[in-house]
Amino acid sequence: IAASLDDVAGMYQKQNEQKKALKCLTEALRIRKLKLGGNDIEIGKTLFGMGIIFAAINNNEMAMECYSGSLEISSHDGSNPKLEAQTLHQIGCVHAENCNYKEALQNWRTCLSKYREGGLRDDHYMVACTLGNIEMAENVLKT
């Protein structure tokens, strides 16, 4: 059921119905916590998705809370380094949104390291995006 709720949430996101998507993911999270316990990687993925939605509706505090939960699970679990890197990237984006470029830079650099450890090259779109963000933050911090 939780996987179906993820799919429905994705459809709502494509229609820019963020609150409906969030409702689906909140229910998916509840189900997963009941079935899997609190530290399963599937819960980390759901929290990441919820963070994306909270960021889209400009609720950076809740986005950060979700990303932090996702990062805690993914870094402890170790089975999904891509999720860990993507979460670090998004945490960097929240920091940049709040004009905290030093923290953003730190997260993006760690993200980049994780991508490279996972075998992604600089021409991969996720690495390229992170490299662009690093360059932007470095330029802001120089001024």
C-alpha atoms as a PDB file:
ATOM      1  CA  ILE A   1       0.000   0.000   0.000  1.00  0.00           C
ATOM      2  CA  ALA A   2       2.831   2.411   0.866  1.00  0.00           C
ATOM      3  CA  ALA A   3       4.390   1.937  -2.587  1.00  0.00           C
ATOM      4  CA  SER A   4       1.052   2.742  -4.220  1.00  0.00           C
ATOM      5  CA  LEU A   5       0.788   5.879  -2.105  1.00  0.00           C
ATOM      6  CA  ASP A   6       4.278   6.855  -3.347  1.00  0.00           C
ATOM      7  CA  ASP A   7       3.049   6.484  -6.928  1.00  0.00           C
ATOM      8  CA  VAL A   8      -0.052   8.579  -6.270  1.00  0.00           C
ATOM      9  CA  ALA A   9       2.098  11.217  -4.557  1.00  0.00           C
ATOM     10  CA  GLY A  10       4.311  11.353  -7.653  1.00  0.00           C
ATOM     11  CA  MET A  11       1.293  11.936  -9.856  1.00  0.00           C
ATOM     12  CA  TYR A  12       0.102  14.731  -7.583  1.00  0.00           C
ATOM     13  CA  GLN A  13       3.557  16.322  -7.660  1.00  0.00           C
ATOM     14  CA  LYS A  14       3.513  16.335 -11.472  1.00  0.00           C
ATOM     15  CA  GLN A  15       0.169  18.149 -11.287  1.00  0.00           C
ATOM     16  CA  ASN A  16       1.632  20.638  -8.787  1.00  0.00           C
ATOM     17  CA  GLU A  17      -0.754  19.385  -6.095  1.00  0.00           C
ATOM     18  CA  GLN A  18       1.900  19.422  -3.379  1.00  0.00           C
ATOM     19  CA  LYS A  19      -0.446  19.229  -0.389  1.00  0.00           C
ATOM     20  CA  LYS A  20      -2.193  16.149  -1.775  1.00  0.00           C
ATOM     21  CA  ALA A  21       1.192  14.569  -2.515  1.00  0.00           C
ATOM     22  CA  LEU A  22       2.338  15.305   1.015  1.00  0.00           C
ATOM     23  CA  LYS A  23      -0.791  13.696   2.444  1.00  0.00           C
ATOM     24  CA  CYS A  24      -0.033  10.511   0.498  1.00  0.00           C
ATOM     25  CA  LEU A  25       3.589  10.432   1.633  1.00  0.00           C
ATOM     26  CA  THR A  26       2.611  11.108   5.238  1.00  0.00           C
ATOM     27  CA  GLU A  27       0.348   8.065   5.152  1.00  0.00           C
ATOM     28  CA  ALA A  28       3.046   5.992   3.407  1.00  0.00           C
ATOM     29  CA  LEU A  29       5.470   7.004   6.160  1.00  0.00           C
ATOM     30  CA  ARG A  30       2.997   5.982   8.863  1.00  0.00           C
ATOM     31  CA  ILE A  31       2.492   2.572   7.231  1.00  0.00           C
ATOM     32  CA  ARG A  32       6.213   2.001   6.752  1.00  0.00           C
ATOM     33  CA  LYS A  33       7.019   2.887  10.353  1.00  0.00           C
ATOM     34  CA  LEU A  34       4.388   0.393  11.538  1.00  0.00           C
ATOM     35  CA  LYS A  35       5.620  -2.380   9.238  1.00  0.00           C
ATOM     36  CA  LEU A  36       9.384  -1.751   9.117  1.00  0.00           C
ATOM     37  CA  GLY A  37      10.340   0.084  12.284  1.00  0.00           C
ATOM     38  CA  GLY A  38      11.977   3.495  12.430  1.00  0.00           C
ATOM     39  CA  ASN A  39      15.296   3.058  10.625  1.00  0.00           C
ATOM     40  CA  ASP A  40      14.508   1.199   7.415  1.00  0.00           C
ATOM     41  CA  ILE A  41      15.906   2.720   4.212  1.00  0.00           C
ATOM     42  CA  GLU A  42      12.364   2.893   2.782  1.00  0.00           C
ATOM     43  CA  ILE A  43      11.513   5.347   5.549  1.00  0.00           C
ATOM     44  CA  GLY A  44      14.576   7.373   4.562  1.00  0.00           C
ATOM     45  CA  LYS A  45      13.335   7.477   0.966  1.00  0.00           C
ATOM     46  CA  THR A  46       9.882   8.596   2.073  1.00  0.00           C
ATOM     47  CA  LEU A  47      11.341  11.328   4.281  1.00  0.00           C
ATOM     48  CA  PHE A  48      13.469  12.494   1.340  1.00  0.00           C
ATOM     49  CA  GLY A  49      10.347  12.751  -0.842  1.00  0.00           C
ATOM     50  CA  MET A  50       8.534  14.667   1.860  1.00  0.00           C
ATOM     51  CA  GLY A  51      11.512  17.025   2.115  1.00  0.00           C
ATOM     52  CA  ILE A  52      11.273  17.730  -1.614  1.00  0.00           C
ATOM     53  CA  ILE A  53       7.614  18.667  -1.230  1.00  0.00           C
ATOM     54  CA  PHE A  54       8.183  20.845   1.828  1.00  0.00           C
ATOM     55  CA  ALA A  55      10.960  22.672  -0.045  1.00  0.00           C
ATOM     56  CA  ALA A  56       8.618  23.160  -3.023  1.00  0.00           C
ATOM     57  CA  ILE A  57       6.029  24.842  -0.800  1.00  0.00           C
ATOM     58  CA  ASN A  58       8.723  26.988   0.856  1.00  0.00           C
ATOM     59  CA  ASN A  59       8.601  25.270   4.230  1.00  0.00           C
ATOM     60  CA  ASN A  60      12.352  24.986   4.674  1.00  0.00           C
ATOM     61  CA  GLU A  61      12.127  24.116   8.358  1.00  0.00           C
ATOM     62  CA  MET A  62      10.066  20.994   7.673  1.00  0.00           C
ATOM     63  CA  ALA A  63      12.144  20.198   4.583  1.00  0.00           C
ATOM     64  CA  MET A  64      15.285  20.255   6.711  1.00  0.00           C
ATOM     65  CA  GLU A  65      13.640  18.066   9.341  1.00  0.00           C
ATOM     66  CA  CYS A  66      12.732  15.479   6.706  1.00  0.00           C
ATOM     67  CA  TYR A  67      16.135  15.635   5.017  1.00  0.00           C
ATOM     68  CA  SER A  68      17.888  15.264   8.363  1.00  0.00           C
ATOM     69  CA  GLY A  69      15.846  12.161   9.139  1.00  0.00           C
ATOM     70  CA  SER A  70      16.565  10.740   5.710  1.00  0.00           C
ATOM     71  CA  LEU A  71      20.283  11.454   6.050  1.00  0.00           C
ATOM     72  CA  GLU A  72      20.434   9.850   9.476  1.00  0.00           C
ATOM     73  CA  ILE A  73      18.881   6.667   8.134  1.00  0.00           C
ATOM     74  CA  SER A  74      20.793   6.532   4.837  1.00  0.00           C
ATOM     75  CA  SER A  75      24.194   7.245   6.379  1.00  0.00           C
ATOM     76  CA  HIS A  76      23.633   4.687   9.144  1.00  0.00           C
ATOM     77  CA  ASP A  77      22.195   2.046   6.817  1.00  0.00           C
ATOM     78  CA  GLY A  78      24.867   2.455   4.135  1.00  0.00           C
ATOM     79  CA  SER A  79      22.911   0.532   1.497  1.00  0.00           C
ATOM     80  CA  ASN A  80      21.929   3.574  -0.561  1.00  0.00           C
ATOM     81  CA  PRO A  81      24.832   6.029  -0.988  1.00  0.00           C
ATOM     82  CA  LYS A  82      22.958   7.747  -3.813  1.00  0.00           C
ATOM     83  CA  LEU A  83      20.123   8.667  -1.414  1.00  0.00           C
ATOM     84  CA  GLU A  84      22.697   9.933   1.074  1.00  0.00           C
ATOM     85  CA  ALA A  85      24.349  12.099  -1.602  1.00  0.00           C
ATOM     86  CA  GLN A  86      21.032  13.420  -2.927  1.00  0.00           C
ATOM     87  CA  THR A  87      19.931  14.280   0.601  1.00  0.00           C
ATOM     88  CA  LEU A  88      23.176  16.163   1.230  1.00  0.00           C
ATOM     89  CA  HIS A  89      22.585  18.025  -2.028  1.00  0.00           C
ATOM     90  CA  GLN A  90      19.079  19.046  -0.974  1.00  0.00           C
ATOM     91  CA  ILE A  91      20.261  20.102   2.488  1.00  0.00           C
ATOM     92  CA  GLY A  92      22.790  22.320   0.708  1.00  0.00           C
ATOM     93  CA  CYS A  93      19.971  23.809  -1.351  1.00  0.00           C
ATOM     94  CA  VAL A  94      17.987  24.674   1.787  1.00  0.00           C
ATOM     95  CA  HIS A  95      21.064  26.343   3.264  1.00  0.00           C
ATOM     96  CA  ALA A  96      21.567  28.316   0.033  1.00  0.00           C
ATOM     97  CA  GLU A  97      17.912  29.328   0.037  1.00  0.00           C
ATOM     98  CA  ASN A  98      18.570  30.772   3.492  1.00  0.00           C
ATOM     99  CA  CYS A  99      21.740  32.516   2.201  1.00  0.00           C
ATOM    100  CA  ASN A 100      23.951  30.291   4.356  1.00  0.00           C
ATOM    101  CA  TYR A 101      26.427  29.550   1.578  1.00  0.00           C
ATOM    102  CA  LYS A 102      29.185  28.275   3.851  1.00  0.00           C
ATOM    103  CA  GLU A 103      26.938  25.454   5.126  1.00  0.00           C
ATOM    104  CA  ALA A 104      25.581  24.861   1.629  1.00  0.00           C
ATOM    105  CA  LEU A 105      29.112  24.524   0.295  1.00  0.00           C
ATOM    106  CA  GLN A 106      30.051  22.031   2.981  1.00  0.00           C
ATOM    107  CA  ASN A 107      27.033  19.840   2.168  1.00  0.00           C
ATOM    108  CA  TRP A 108      27.585  20.050  -1.587  1.00  0.00           C
ATOM    109  CA  ARG A 109      31.258  19.119  -1.241  1.00  0.00           C
ATOM    110  CA  THR A 110      30.356  16.090   0.866  1.00  0.00           C
ATOM    111  CA  CYS A 111      27.654  15.218  -1.660  1.00  0.00           C
ATOM    112  CA  LEU A 112      30.170  15.454  -4.491  1.00  0.00           C
ATOM    113  CA  SER A 113      32.535  13.145  -2.632  1.00  0.00           C
ATOM    114  CA  LYS A 114      29.730  10.596  -2.154  1.00  0.00           C
ATOM    115  CA  TYR A 115      28.789  10.751  -5.846  1.00  0.00           C
ATOM    116  CA  ARG A 116      32.389  10.172  -6.867  1.00  0.00           C
ATOM    117  CA  GLU A 117      32.779   7.336  -4.358  1.00  0.00           C
ATOM    118  CA  GLY A 118      29.742   5.785  -6.009  1.00  0.00           C
ATOM    119  CA  GLY A 119      31.450   5.911  -9.387  1.00  0.00           C
ATOM    120  CA  LEU A 120      29.597   8.855 -10.904  1.00  0.00           C
ATOM    121  CA  ARG A 121      31.691  10.994 -13.231  1.00  0.00           C
ATOM    122  CA  ASP A 122      31.627  14.761 -13.545  1.00  0.00           C
ATOM    123  CA  ASP A 123      29.497  14.569 -16.698  1.00  0.00           C
ATOM    124  CA  HIS A 124      26.658  12.819 -14.832  1.00  0.00           C
ATOM    125  CA  TYR A 125      23.774  15.270 -14.459  1.00  0.00           C
ATOM    126  CA  MET A 126      23.630  15.017 -10.648  1.00  0.00           C
ATOM    127  CA  VAL A 127      27.376  15.602 -10.312  1.00  0.00           C
ATOM    128  CA  ALA A 128      27.255  18.454 -12.830  1.00  0.00           C
ATOM    129  CA  CYS A 129      24.437  20.127 -10.897  1.00  0.00           C
ATOM    130  CA  THR A 130      26.362  19.831  -7.630  1.00  0.00           C
ATOM    131  CA  LEU A 131      29.531  21.184  -9.269  1.00  0.00           C
ATOM    132  CA  GLY A 132      27.549  24.163 -10.544  1.00  0.00           C
ATOM    133  CA  ASN A 133      26.158  24.817  -7.077  1.00  0.00           C
ATOM    134  CA  ILE A 134      29.647  24.603  -5.554  1.00  0.00           C
ATOM    135  CA  GLU A 135      30.959  27.123  -8.083  1.00  0.00           C
ATOM    136  CA  MET A 136      28.064  29.485  -7.377  1.00  0.00           C
ATOM    137  CA  ALA A 137      28.545  29.288  -3.596  1.00  0.00           C
ATOM    138  CA  GLU A 138      32.295  29.809  -3.900  1.00  0.00           C
ATOM    139  CA  ASN A 139      31.694  32.903  -6.028  1.00  0.00           C
ATOM    140  CA  VAL A 140      29.177  34.306  -3.548  1.00  0.00           C
ATOM    141  CA  LEU A 141      31.560  33.722  -0.657  1.00  0.00           C
ATOM    142  CA  LYS A 142      34.417  35.499  -2.500  1.00  0.00           C
ATOM    143  CA  THR A 143      32.460  38.746  -2.747  1.00  0.00           C
END
